[in-house]
Amino acid sequence: MDEAQYAISKDEVKNRNVPIRLYGILNELLRKENIDVYITGSNSKFLSSDVLTEFRGRGDQIGIAPLTFSEFFPASNKNQIEAWQEYSLYGGMPHILKEENEEGKVRYLNHLQESFVLRKAERYDVKGRQFSGLDK
């Protein structure tokens, strides 16, 4: 038997209707002692219920939150006042630190908001007039 340790990752599982075959493959991999399996995704509708159900006791859910100021500040490479101004204006999403200018930060936050609103609308089947204006 191979004694090396392996890690397998599947990034951004978005579809709730993931084929049963994928569950079978992942379950088979989880039975091997030298393999860790990591599945990531931003669709909480899929991950929060399905992973914990399908992988019965072999899965953990890890929620990710925006950075606190004490995490943001050292990563910002700015003095404390400048870092606080940026943090209080744009928030603690880690990607904000990668954007070099205001336009990039605003574009990123707008995209984040639009995708969040669209996911919620899709999840709760909000359409037409109910949805009008939510993305403004």
C-alpha atoms as a PDB file:
ATOM      1  CA  MET A   1       0.000   0.000   0.000  1.00  0.00           C
ATOM      2  CA  ASP A   2       1.197   3.512  -0.830  1.00  0.00           C
ATOM      3  CA  GLU A   3       2.282   5.277   2.381  1.00  0.00           C
ATOM      4  CA  ALA A   4       2.316   8.814   0.984  1.00  0.00           C
ATOM      5  CA  GLN A   5      -0.316  11.278   2.184  1.00  0.00           C
ATOM      6  CA  TYR A   6      -2.589  12.836  -0.465  1.00  0.00           C
ATOM      7  CA  ALA A   7      -5.020  15.739  -0.520  1.00  0.00           C
ATOM      8  CA  ILE A   8      -7.705  16.024  -3.195  1.00  0.00           C
ATOM      9  CA  SER A   9      -9.739  19.181  -3.639  1.00  0.00           C
ATOM     10  CA  LYS A  10     -12.833  20.037  -5.650  1.00  0.00           C
ATOM     11  CA  ASP A  11     -13.314  23.781  -5.816  1.00  0.00           C
ATOM     12  CA  GLU A  12     -16.630  25.601  -6.135  1.00  0.00           C
ATOM     13  CA  VAL A  13     -19.277  22.899  -6.165  1.00  0.00           C
ATOM     14  CA  LYS A  14     -22.201  25.059  -7.232  1.00  0.00           C
ATOM     15  CA  ASN A  15     -24.928  22.714  -8.339  1.00  0.00           C
ATOM     16  CA  ARG A  16     -27.247  21.140  -5.812  1.00  0.00           C
ATOM     17  CA  ASN A  17     -27.892  18.377  -8.353  1.00  0.00           C
ATOM     18  CA  VAL A  18     -24.334  17.055  -8.213  1.00  0.00           C
ATOM     19  CA  PRO A  19     -24.348  13.617  -9.818  1.00  0.00           C
ATOM     20  CA  ILE A  20     -24.643  10.679  -7.449  1.00  0.00           C
ATOM     21  CA  ARG A  21     -21.491   9.314  -9.085  1.00  0.00           C
ATOM     22  CA  LEU A  22     -19.462  12.196  -7.581  1.00  0.00           C
ATOM     23  CA  TYR A  23     -20.741  11.303  -4.103  1.00  0.00           C
ATOM     24  CA  GLY A  24     -19.722   7.700  -4.719  1.00  0.00           C
ATOM     25  CA  ILE A  25     -16.229   8.675  -5.842  1.00  0.00           C
ATOM     26  CA  LEU A  26     -15.733  11.016  -2.891  1.00  0.00           C
ATOM     27  CA  ASN A  27     -17.031   8.415  -0.428  1.00  0.00           C
ATOM     28  CA  GLU A  28     -14.627   5.858  -1.900  1.00  0.00           C
ATOM     29  CA  LEU A  29     -11.708   8.281  -1.498  1.00  0.00           C
ATOM     30  CA  LEU A  30     -12.723   9.051   2.095  1.00  0.00           C
ATOM     31  CA  ARG A  31     -12.381   5.356   2.966  1.00  0.00           C
ATOM     32  CA  LYS A  32      -8.651   5.500   2.225  1.00  0.00           C
ATOM     33  CA  GLU A  33      -6.607   6.460   5.269  1.00  0.00           C
ATOM     34  CA  ASN A  34      -3.937   8.354   3.352  1.00  0.00           C
ATOM     35  CA  ILE A  35      -6.308  10.659   1.439  1.00  0.00           C
ATOM     36  CA  ASP A  36      -7.945  13.878   2.648  1.00  0.00           C
ATOM     37  CA  VAL A  37     -10.748  15.308   0.498  1.00  0.00           C
ATOM     38  CA  TYR A  38     -11.600  19.019   0.489  1.00  0.00           C
ATOM     39  CA  ILE A  39     -14.699  20.423  -1.209  1.00  0.00           C
ATOM     40  CA  THR A  40     -15.235  24.160  -1.373  1.00  0.00           C
ATOM     41  CA  GLY A  41     -18.030  26.309  -2.631  1.00  0.00           C
ATOM     42  CA  SER A  42     -20.004  29.414  -1.929  1.00  0.00           C
ATOM     43  CA  ASN A  43     -23.416  27.828  -2.395  1.00  0.00           C
ATOM     44  CA  SER A  44     -24.505  27.245   1.177  1.00  0.00           C
ATOM     45  CA  LYS A  45     -27.685  25.556  -0.097  1.00  0.00           C
ATOM     46  CA  PHE A  46     -25.507  22.705  -1.374  1.00  0.00           C
ATOM     47  CA  LEU A  47     -22.740  22.534   1.155  1.00  0.00           C
ATOM     48  CA  SER A  48     -24.429  23.029   4.486  1.00  0.00           C
ATOM     49  CA  SER A  49     -27.004  20.296   4.103  1.00  0.00           C
ATOM     50  CA  ASP A  50     -25.673  17.896   1.499  1.00  0.00           C
ATOM     51  CA  VAL A  51     -22.068  17.454   2.605  1.00  0.00           C
ATOM     52  CA  LEU A  52     -23.040  16.730   6.182  1.00  0.00           C
ATOM     53  CA  THR A  53     -25.757  14.310   5.018  1.00  0.00           C
ATOM     54  CA  GLU A  54     -23.917  12.554   2.201  1.00  0.00           C
ATOM     55  CA  PHE A  55     -20.665  12.082   4.087  1.00  0.00           C
ATOM     56  CA  ARG A  56     -22.198  11.108   7.449  1.00  0.00           C
ATOM     57  CA  GLY A  57     -19.734  11.986  10.166  1.00  0.00           C
ATOM     58  CA  ARG A  58     -16.797  12.359   7.789  1.00  0.00           C
ATOM     59  CA  GLY A  59     -17.399  15.966   6.838  1.00  0.00           C
ATOM     60  CA  ASP A  60     -16.994  19.276   8.580  1.00  0.00           C
ATOM     61  CA  GLN A  61     -18.443  22.592   7.579  1.00  0.00           C
ATOM     62  CA  ILE A  62     -16.184  25.619   7.972  1.00  0.00           C
ATOM     63  CA  GLY A  63     -17.784  29.029   7.603  1.00  0.00           C
ATOM     64  CA  ILE A  64     -15.672  31.889   6.322  1.00  0.00           C
ATOM     65  CA  ALA A  65     -16.300  35.440   7.518  1.00  0.00           C
ATOM     66  CA  PRO A  66     -14.822  38.797   6.500  1.00  0.00           C
ATOM     67  CA  LEU A  67     -11.595  39.807   8.214  1.00  0.00           C
ATOM     68  CA  THR A  68     -11.735  41.647  11.515  1.00  0.00           C
ATOM     69  CA  PHE A  69      -9.758  44.880  11.680  1.00  0.00           C
ATOM     70  CA  SER A  70      -7.054  43.149  13.735  1.00  0.00           C
ATOM     71  CA  GLU A  71      -6.621  40.682  10.830  1.00  0.00           C
ATOM     72  CA  PHE A  72      -7.010  43.315   8.111  1.00  0.00           C
ATOM     73  CA  PHE A  73      -4.520  45.841   9.523  1.00  0.00           C
ATOM     74  CA  PRO A  74      -1.260  43.836   9.299  1.00  0.00           C
ATOM     75  CA  ALA A  75      -2.179  42.537   5.831  1.00  0.00           C
ATOM     76  CA  SER A  76      -2.902  46.046   4.538  1.00  0.00           C
ATOM     77  CA  ASN A  77       0.714  47.282   4.768  1.00  0.00           C
ATOM     78  CA  LYS A  78      -0.637  50.720   5.741  1.00  0.00           C
ATOM     79  CA  ASN A  79      -0.432  52.767   8.887  1.00  0.00           C
ATOM     80  CA  GLN A  80      -3.248  52.231  11.368  1.00  0.00           C
ATOM     81  CA  ILE A  81      -5.242  55.330  10.383  1.00  0.00           C
ATOM     82  CA  GLU A  82      -5.089  54.592   6.644  1.00  0.00           C
ATOM     83  CA  ALA A  83      -5.933  50.930   7.260  1.00  0.00           C
ATOM     84  CA  TRP A  84      -8.929  51.894   9.430  1.00  0.00           C
ATOM     85  CA  GLN A  85     -10.193  54.341   6.794  1.00  0.00           C
ATOM     86  CA  GLU A  86     -10.017  51.638   4.120  1.00  0.00           C
ATOM     87  CA  TYR A  87     -11.556  48.994   6.394  1.00  0.00           C
ATOM     88  CA  SER A  88     -14.424  51.223   7.510  1.00  0.00           C
ATOM     89  CA  LEU A  89     -15.157  52.291   3.920  1.00  0.00           C
ATOM     90  CA  TYR A  90     -14.813  48.950   2.078  1.00  0.00           C
ATOM     91  CA  GLY A  91     -15.153  46.328   4.813  1.00  0.00           C
ATOM     92  CA  GLY A  92     -13.083  43.274   5.562  1.00  0.00           C
ATOM     93  CA  MET A  93     -13.408  41.085   2.488  1.00  0.00           C
ATOM     94  CA  PRO A  94      -9.871  39.746   1.872  1.00  0.00           C
ATOM     95  CA  HIS A  95      -9.999  40.494  -1.861  1.00  0.00           C
ATOM     96  CA  ILE A  96     -10.214  44.229  -1.065  1.00  0.00           C
ATOM     97  CA  LEU A  97      -6.545  44.068  -0.045  1.00  0.00           C
ATOM     98  CA  LYS A  98      -5.610  42.904  -3.551  1.00  0.00           C
ATOM     99  CA  GLU A  99      -7.379  45.744  -5.341  1.00  0.00           C
ATOM    100  CA  GLU A 100      -4.976  48.627  -5.866  1.00  0.00           C
ATOM    101  CA  ASN A 101      -7.431  51.452  -6.494  1.00  0.00           C
ATOM    102  CA  GLU A 102     -10.877  52.664  -5.510  1.00  0.00           C
ATOM    103  CA  GLU A 103     -12.462  51.621  -8.822  1.00  0.00           C
ATOM    104  CA  GLY A 104     -11.308  48.026  -8.375  1.00  0.00           C
ATOM    105  CA  LYS A 105     -12.574  47.889  -4.798  1.00  0.00           C
ATOM    106  CA  VAL A 106     -15.966  49.340  -5.770  1.00  0.00           C
ATOM    107  CA  ARG A 107     -16.253  47.020  -8.784  1.00  0.00           C
ATOM    108  CA  TYR A 108     -15.487  43.998  -6.590  1.00  0.00           C
ATOM    109  CA  LEU A 109     -18.024  45.003  -3.919  1.00  0.00           C
ATOM    110  CA  ASN A 110     -20.690  45.690  -6.559  1.00  0.00           C
ATOM    111  CA  HIS A 111     -20.077  42.261  -8.083  1.00  0.00           C
ATOM    112  CA  LEU A 112     -20.274  40.667  -4.638  1.00  0.00           C
ATOM    113  CA  GLN A 113     -23.566  42.415  -3.897  1.00  0.00           C
ATOM    114  CA  GLU A 114     -25.074  41.554  -7.281  1.00  0.00           C
ATOM    115  CA  SER A 115     -24.141  37.887  -7.020  1.00  0.00           C
ATOM    116  CA  PHE A 116     -25.466  37.727  -3.438  1.00  0.00           C
ATOM    117  CA  VAL A 117     -28.785  39.330  -4.419  1.00  0.00           C
ATOM    118  CA  LEU A 118     -29.116  37.058  -7.453  1.00  0.00           C
ATOM    119  CA  ARG A 119     -28.400  33.932  -5.363  1.00  0.00           C
ATOM    120  CA  LYS A 120     -30.989  34.946  -2.787  1.00  0.00           C
ATOM    121  CA  ALA A 121     -33.530  35.721  -5.504  1.00  0.00           C
ATOM    122  CA  GLU A 122     -32.879  32.329  -7.092  1.00  0.00           C
ATOM    123  CA  ARG A 123     -33.025  30.508  -3.770  1.00  0.00           C
ATOM    124  CA  TYR A 124     -36.354  32.042  -2.765  1.00  0.00           C
ATOM    125  CA  ASP A 125     -37.749  32.093  -6.307  1.00  0.00           C
ATOM    126  CA  VAL A 126     -38.120  35.894  -6.377  1.00  0.00           C
ATOM    127  CA  LYS A 127     -39.001  37.125  -9.862  1.00  0.00           C
ATOM    128  CA  GLY A 128     -40.401  40.077 -11.764  1.00  0.00           C
ATOM    129  CA  ARG A 129     -41.657  43.003  -9.729  1.00  0.00           C
ATOM    130  CA  GLN A 130     -40.548  41.437  -6.462  1.00  0.00           C
ATOM    131  CA  PHE A 131     -36.978  41.471  -7.755  1.00  0.00           C
ATOM    132  CA  SER A 132     -37.086  44.870  -9.450  1.00  0.00           C
ATOM    133  CA  GLY A 133     -34.857  47.344  -7.675  1.00  0.00           C
ATOM    134  CA  LEU A 134     -33.098  44.851  -5.407  1.00  0.00           C
ATOM    135  CA  ASP A 135     -29.936  45.164  -7.464  1.00  0.00           C
ATOM    136  CA  LYS A 136     -29.752  48.959  -7.260  1.00  0.00           C
END
